[in-house]
Amino acid sequence: MNAGAAIIQALSKFGYPCKPDRYKGDGKKYFTYNYADERGEDYGDNRPGCIKASMQVHFFLPLDENCMKEKKKIREALFRAGFTYPTVTVLQEKEFNIRHIVYECDITEEREE
């Protein structure tokens, strides 16, 4: 399973839209995700055995909502799905009345030849 599919599966229980790169819907809460970096790992005979994908998962919600419990549940859901334990940055986009929570984590993907 690739990193994007693993993210969608891990976050599906929250019931919010989850899209790569950009969400164009009307939901007040939603996820987006992107690859921050990809690199080969587990080299043998000068060939990578797998790909390490560094991912960013973004959770957007109204600025006035308390997000502490949900923030922790999302972090744990990603970790249980096989990602490294995410680092979390909480941002406020006051001009849009949005809280933007960024989860950064890694996962290993199979390499396709």
N, C-alpha and C. Protein backbone atom coordinates (compact mmCIF):
# COMPACT_ATOMS: atom_id res chain seq x y z
N MET A 1 0.86 -1.18 0.00
CA MET A 1 0.00 0.00 0.00
C MET A 1 0.90 1.23 0.00
N ASN A 2 0.55 2.21 -0.84
CA ASN A 2 1.36 3.43 -0.85
C ASN A 2 0.96 4.35 0.30
N ALA A 3 1.75 5.38 0.53
CA ALA A 3 1.54 6.27 1.67
C ALA A 3 0.19 6.97 1.61
N GLY A 4 -0.22 7.43 0.44
CA GLY A 4 -1.50 8.12 0.31
C GLY A 4 -2.66 7.22 0.69
N ALA A 5 -2.64 5.99 0.21
CA ALA A 5 -3.71 5.04 0.54
C ALA A 5 -3.71 4.73 2.03
N ALA A 6 -2.53 4.64 2.64
CA ALA A 6 -2.44 4.38 4.09
C ALA A 6 -3.01 5.54 4.89
N ILE A 7 -2.78 6.75 4.44
CA ILE A 7 -3.33 7.93 5.12
C ILE A 7 -4.85 7.93 5.03
N ILE A 8 -5.37 7.73 3.83
CA ILE A 8 -6.83 7.71 3.65
C ILE A 8 -7.47 6.64 4.51
N GLN A 9 -6.88 5.45 4.54
CA GLN A 9 -7.43 4.37 5.36
C GLN A 9 -7.37 4.72 6.85
N ALA A 10 -6.26 5.28 7.31
CA ALA A 10 -6.09 5.60 8.72
C ALA A 10 -7.06 6.68 9.18
N LEU A 11 -7.37 7.63 8.31
CA LEU A 11 -8.19 8.77 8.70
C LEU A 11 -9.66 8.63 8.34
N SER A 12 -10.03 7.57 7.66
CA SER A 12 -11.42 7.39 7.21
C SER A 12 -12.40 7.33 8.38
N LYS A 13 -11.96 6.84 9.53
CA LYS A 13 -12.86 6.72 10.68
C LYS A 13 -13.33 8.07 11.23
N PHE A 14 -12.64 9.14 10.87
CA PHE A 14 -13.04 10.47 11.34
C PHE A 14 -14.21 11.04 10.55
N GLY A 15 -14.43 10.51 9.35
CA GLY A 15 -15.58 10.91 8.55
C GLY A 15 -15.44 12.23 7.81
N TYR A 16 -14.22 12.75 7.70
CA TYR A 16 -13.99 14.01 7.00
C TYR A 16 -13.36 13.72 5.64
N PRO A 17 -13.57 14.59 4.66
CA PRO A 17 -12.91 14.39 3.37
C PRO A 17 -11.39 14.36 3.54
N CYS A 18 -10.72 13.55 2.72
CA CYS A 18 -9.26 13.42 2.77
C CYS A 18 -8.76 13.36 1.32
N LYS A 19 -8.07 14.40 0.88
CA LYS A 19 -7.66 14.52 -0.51
C LYS A 19 -6.17 14.82 -0.63
N PRO A 20 -5.54 14.36 -1.71
CA PRO A 20 -4.14 14.74 -1.93
C PRO A 20 -4.04 16.22 -2.32
N ASP A 21 -3.08 16.89 -1.76
CA ASP A 21 -2.70 18.26 -2.10
C ASP A 21 -3.72 19.34 -1.77
N ARG A 22 -4.95 19.23 -2.27
CA ARG A 22 -5.89 20.35 -2.11
C ARG A 22 -7.32 19.83 -2.05
N TYR A 23 -8.09 20.38 -1.15
CA TYR A 23 -9.50 20.05 -1.02
C TYR A 23 -10.32 21.20 -1.58
N LYS A 24 -11.27 20.87 -2.46
CA LYS A 24 -12.05 21.91 -3.12
C LYS A 24 -13.52 21.88 -2.71
N GLY A 25 -13.85 21.14 -1.65
CA GLY A 25 -15.24 21.02 -1.24
C GLY A 25 -15.66 22.10 -0.25
N ASP A 26 -16.82 21.87 0.34
CA ASP A 26 -17.42 22.83 1.26
C ASP A 26 -17.32 22.42 2.73
N GLY A 27 -16.69 21.30 3.03
CA GLY A 27 -16.61 20.82 4.40
C GLY A 27 -15.87 21.79 5.31
N LYS A 28 -16.33 21.88 6.56
CA LYS A 28 -15.66 22.76 7.53
C LYS A 28 -14.45 22.08 8.15
N LYS A 29 -14.44 20.73 8.15
CA LYS A 29 -13.30 19.96 8.62
C LYS A 29 -12.88 19.03 7.49
N TYR A 30 -11.59 19.00 7.22
CA TYR A 30 -11.10 18.13 6.15
C TYR A 30 -9.60 17.91 6.30
N PHE A 31 -9.13 16.88 5.60
CA PHE A 31 -7.70 16.55 5.56
C PHE A 31 -7.18 16.72 4.13
N THR A 32 -5.93 17.14 4.04
CA THR A 32 -5.17 17.02 2.80
C THR A 32 -3.83 16.39 3.17
N TYR A 33 -3.14 15.86 2.17
CA TYR A 33 -1.82 15.29 2.44
C TYR A 33 -0.93 15.48 1.22
N ASN A 34 0.37 15.46 1.47
CA ASN A 34 1.35 15.59 0.38
C ASN A 34 2.64 14.89 0.76
N TYR A 35 3.37 14.51 -0.28
CA TYR A 35 4.71 13.96 -0.10
C TYR A 35 5.66 15.13 0.11
N ALA A 36 6.38 15.15 1.22
CA ALA A 36 7.39 16.18 1.47
C ALA A 36 8.74 15.75 0.89
N ASP A 37 8.98 14.42 0.87
CA ASP A 37 10.26 13.90 0.40
C ASP A 37 10.10 12.40 0.16
N GLU A 38 10.81 11.89 -0.83
CA GLU A 38 10.89 10.45 -1.07
C GLU A 38 12.34 10.10 -1.35
N ARG A 39 12.80 8.99 -0.78
CA ARG A 39 14.18 8.56 -1.05
C ARG A 39 14.30 7.06 -0.88
N GLY A 40 15.26 6.49 -1.59
CA GLY A 40 15.53 5.07 -1.48
C GLY A 40 16.18 4.74 -0.15
N GLU A 41 15.88 3.52 0.35
CA GLU A 41 16.50 3.02 1.58
C GLU A 41 16.74 1.53 1.45
N ASP A 42 17.44 0.97 2.43
CA ASP A 42 17.71 -0.47 2.50
C ASP A 42 18.43 -0.94 1.24
N TYR A 43 19.56 -0.29 0.95
CA TYR A 43 20.30 -0.56 -0.27
C TYR A 43 21.01 -1.90 -0.22
N GLY A 44 21.06 -2.58 -1.35
CA GLY A 44 21.84 -3.78 -1.59
C GLY A 44 22.17 -3.83 -3.06
N ASP A 45 23.42 -4.11 -3.40
CA ASP A 45 23.85 -4.12 -4.80
C ASP A 45 23.53 -2.80 -5.50
N ASN A 46 23.72 -1.71 -4.79
CA ASN A 46 23.48 -0.36 -5.31
C ASN A 46 22.04 -0.11 -5.76
N ARG A 47 21.10 -0.83 -5.18
CA ARG A 47 19.68 -0.65 -5.49
C ARG A 47 18.90 -0.49 -4.18
N PRO A 48 17.99 0.46 -4.17
CA PRO A 48 17.18 0.59 -2.96
C PRO A 48 16.19 -0.57 -2.84
N GLY A 49 16.03 -1.07 -1.63
CA GLY A 49 15.07 -2.13 -1.39
C GLY A 49 13.66 -1.61 -1.13
N CYS A 50 13.58 -0.34 -0.74
CA CYS A 50 12.27 0.27 -0.45
C CYS A 50 12.39 1.78 -0.57
N ILE A 51 11.29 2.44 -0.44
CA ILE A 51 11.23 3.90 -0.51
C ILE A 51 10.76 4.43 0.83
N LYS A 52 11.47 5.40 1.37
CA LYS A 52 11.03 6.09 2.58
C LYS A 52 10.30 7.35 2.13
N ALA A 53 9.03 7.45 2.49
CA ALA A 53 8.21 8.61 2.13
C ALA A 53 7.98 9.46 3.36
N SER A 54 8.39 10.71 3.29
CA SER A 54 8.11 11.68 4.34
C SER A 54 6.83 12.40 3.95
N MET A 55 5.83 12.33 4.81
CA MET A 55 4.50 12.84 4.49
C MET A 55 4.11 14.00 5.39
N GLN A 56 3.29 14.86 4.85
CA GLN A 56 2.63 15.91 5.62
C GLN A 56 1.13 15.69 5.50
N VAL A 57 0.48 15.60 6.64
CA VAL A 57 -0.97 15.49 6.68
C VAL A 57 -1.48 16.77 7.32
N HIS A 58 -2.46 17.39 6.67
CA HIS A 58 -2.99 18.67 7.12
C HIS A 58 -4.45 18.48 7.54
N PHE A 59 -4.77 18.93 8.74
CA PHE A 59 -6.15 18.88 9.23
C PHE A 59 -6.61 20.33 9.39
N PHE A 60 -7.70 20.66 8.72
CA PHE A 60 -8.27 22.01 8.77
C PHE A 60 -9.61 21.97 9.49
N LEU A 61 -9.84 22.94 10.36
CA LEU A 61 -11.10 23.04 11.08
C LEU A 61 -11.32 24.48 11.50
N PRO A 62 -12.55 24.83 11.88
CA PRO A 62 -12.81 26.21 12.31
C PRO A 62 -11.93 26.60 13.50
N LEU A 63 -11.48 27.82 13.50
CA LEU A 63 -10.57 28.32 14.52
C LEU A 63 -11.16 28.28 15.92
N ASP A 64 -12.46 28.44 16.05
CA ASP A 64 -13.07 28.50 17.38
C ASP A 64 -13.39 27.14 17.98
N GLU A 65 -13.11 26.04 17.28
CA GLU A 65 -13.39 24.70 17.82
C GLU A 65 -12.21 24.19 18.64
N ASN A 66 -12.51 23.53 19.75
CA ASN A 66 -11.47 22.89 20.55
C ASN A 66 -11.03 21.62 19.82
N CYS A 67 -9.74 21.52 19.57
CA CYS A 67 -9.24 20.40 18.75
C CYS A 67 -8.33 19.46 19.51
N MET A 68 -8.15 19.64 20.81
CA MET A 68 -7.12 18.89 21.54
C MET A 68 -7.34 17.37 21.50
N LYS A 69 -8.54 16.89 21.77
CA LYS A 69 -8.77 15.44 21.76
C LYS A 69 -8.63 14.86 20.36
N GLU A 70 -9.22 15.56 19.40
CA GLU A 70 -9.16 15.08 18.02
C GLU A 70 -7.73 15.10 17.49
N LYS A 71 -6.96 16.11 17.86
CA LYS A 71 -5.55 16.20 17.43
C LYS A 71 -4.77 14.97 17.88
N LYS A 72 -4.99 14.56 19.11
CA LYS A 72 -4.29 13.38 19.64
C LYS A 72 -4.76 12.10 18.97
N LYS A 73 -6.07 12.00 18.71
CA LYS A 73 -6.61 10.80 18.06
C LYS A 73 -6.08 10.66 16.64
N ILE A 74 -5.93 11.75 15.93
CA ILE A 74 -5.39 11.71 14.57
C ILE A 74 -3.94 11.26 14.60
N ARG A 75 -3.16 11.81 15.51
CA ARG A 75 -1.76 11.41 15.65
C ARG A 75 -1.65 9.91 15.90
N GLU A 76 -2.46 9.41 16.81
CA GLU A 76 -2.42 7.98 17.14
C GLU A 76 -2.89 7.12 15.96
N ALA A 77 -3.88 7.59 15.21
CA ALA A 77 -4.37 6.83 14.05
C ALA A 77 -3.27 6.69 13.00
N LEU A 78 -2.52 7.74 12.76
CA LEU A 78 -1.42 7.66 11.81
C LEU A 78 -0.33 6.71 12.30
N PHE A 79 -0.02 6.79 13.58
CA PHE A 79 1.01 5.91 14.15
C PHE A 79 0.58 4.45 14.06
N ARG A 80 -0.66 4.16 14.39
CA ARG A 80 -1.16 2.77 14.32
C ARG A 80 -1.20 2.25 12.88
N ALA A 81 -1.26 3.16 11.92
CA ALA A 81 -1.28 2.76 10.51
C ALA A 81 0.12 2.48 9.96
N GLY A 82 1.14 2.60 10.79
CA GLY A 82 2.49 2.26 10.37
C GLY A 82 3.42 3.43 10.11
N PHE A 83 2.95 4.64 10.34
CA PHE A 83 3.79 5.82 10.18
C PHE A 83 4.64 6.01 11.44
N THR A 84 5.77 6.71 11.30
CA THR A 84 6.53 7.08 12.48
C THR A 84 5.65 8.01 13.31
N TYR A 85 5.99 8.15 14.59
CA TYR A 85 5.16 8.98 15.46
C TYR A 85 5.23 10.42 14.95
N PRO A 86 4.09 11.00 14.56
CA PRO A 86 4.10 12.32 13.91
C PRO A 86 4.52 13.46 14.83
N THR A 87 5.25 14.40 14.24
CA THR A 87 5.43 15.70 14.88
C THR A 87 4.23 16.55 14.47
N VAL A 88 3.81 17.44 15.34
CA VAL A 88 2.59 18.21 15.10
C VAL A 88 2.89 19.70 15.26
N THR A 89 2.41 20.47 14.29
CA THR A 89 2.49 21.93 14.34
C THR A 89 1.07 22.47 14.20
N VAL A 90 0.70 23.36 15.10
CA VAL A 90 -0.64 23.96 15.06
C VAL A 90 -0.51 25.41 14.61
N LEU A 91 -1.22 25.72 13.55
CA LEU A 91 -1.18 27.07 12.98
C LEU A 91 -2.57 27.68 13.02
N GLN A 92 -2.62 28.99 13.06
CA GLN A 92 -3.90 29.70 12.99
C GLN A 92 -3.88 30.60 11.77
N GLU A 93 -4.89 30.42 10.92
CA GLU A 93 -5.04 31.28 9.76
C GLU A 93 -6.22 32.21 10.07
N LYS A 94 -5.94 33.25 10.84
CA LYS A 94 -6.99 34.13 11.36
C LYS A 94 -7.78 34.82 10.26
N GLU A 95 -7.14 35.15 9.16
CA GLU A 95 -7.86 35.83 8.08
C GLU A 95 -8.94 34.96 7.45
N PHE A 96 -8.81 33.62 7.61
CA PHE A 96 -9.81 32.70 7.08
C PHE A 96 -10.59 32.00 8.19
N ASN A 97 -10.31 32.34 9.46
CA ASN A 97 -10.95 31.72 10.62
C ASN A 97 -10.76 30.20 10.63
N ILE A 98 -9.52 29.77 10.33
CA ILE A 98 -9.20 28.34 10.22
C ILE A 98 -8.03 27.99 11.13
N ARG A 99 -8.14 26.83 11.78
CA ARG A 99 -7.01 26.22 12.47
C ARG A 99 -6.44 25.18 11.52
N HIS A 100 -5.14 25.16 11.36
CA HIS A 100 -4.45 24.28 10.43
C HIS A 100 -3.43 23.48 11.23
N ILE A 101 -3.67 22.19 11.34
CA ILE A 101 -2.79 21.31 12.11
C ILE A 101 -2.00 20.45 11.13
N VAL A 102 -0.67 20.50 11.23
CA VAL A 102 0.20 19.77 10.32
C VAL A 102 0.87 18.61 11.08
N TYR A 103 0.69 17.40 10.54
CA TYR A 103 1.33 16.19 11.07
C TYR A 103 2.42 15.80 10.08
N GLU A 104 3.63 15.61 10.58
CA GLU A 104 4.73 15.18 9.71
C GLU A 104 5.24 13.84 10.20
N CYS A 105 5.29 12.88 9.26
CA CYS A 105 5.69 11.52 9.63
C CYS A 105 6.22 10.79 8.39
N ASP A 106 6.85 9.66 8.62
CA ASP A 106 7.45 8.86 7.55
C ASP A 106 6.81 7.48 7.51
N ILE A 107 6.89 6.86 6.35
CA ILE A 107 6.45 5.48 6.19
C ILE A 107 7.30 4.86 5.08
N THR A 108 7.46 3.56 5.14
CA THR A 108 8.22 2.85 4.13
C THR A 108 7.25 2.25 3.12
N GLU A 109 7.54 2.48 1.84
CA GLU A 109 6.75 1.94 0.74
C GLU A 109 7.57 0.91 -0.03
N GLU A 110 6.90 -0.03 -0.65
CA GLU A 110 7.58 -0.95 -1.52
C GLU A 110 8.07 -0.22 -2.76
N ARG A 111 9.21 -0.64 -3.27
CA ARG A 111 9.75 -0.04 -4.50
C ARG A 111 9.27 -0.85 -5.69
N GLU A 112 8.74 -0.16 -6.68
CA GLU A 112 8.29 -0.82 -7.90
C GLU A 112 9.40 -0.74 -8.93
N GLU A 113 9.67 -1.84 -9.59
CA GLU A 113 10.70 -1.83 -10.64
C GLU A 113 10.10 -1.70 -12.00
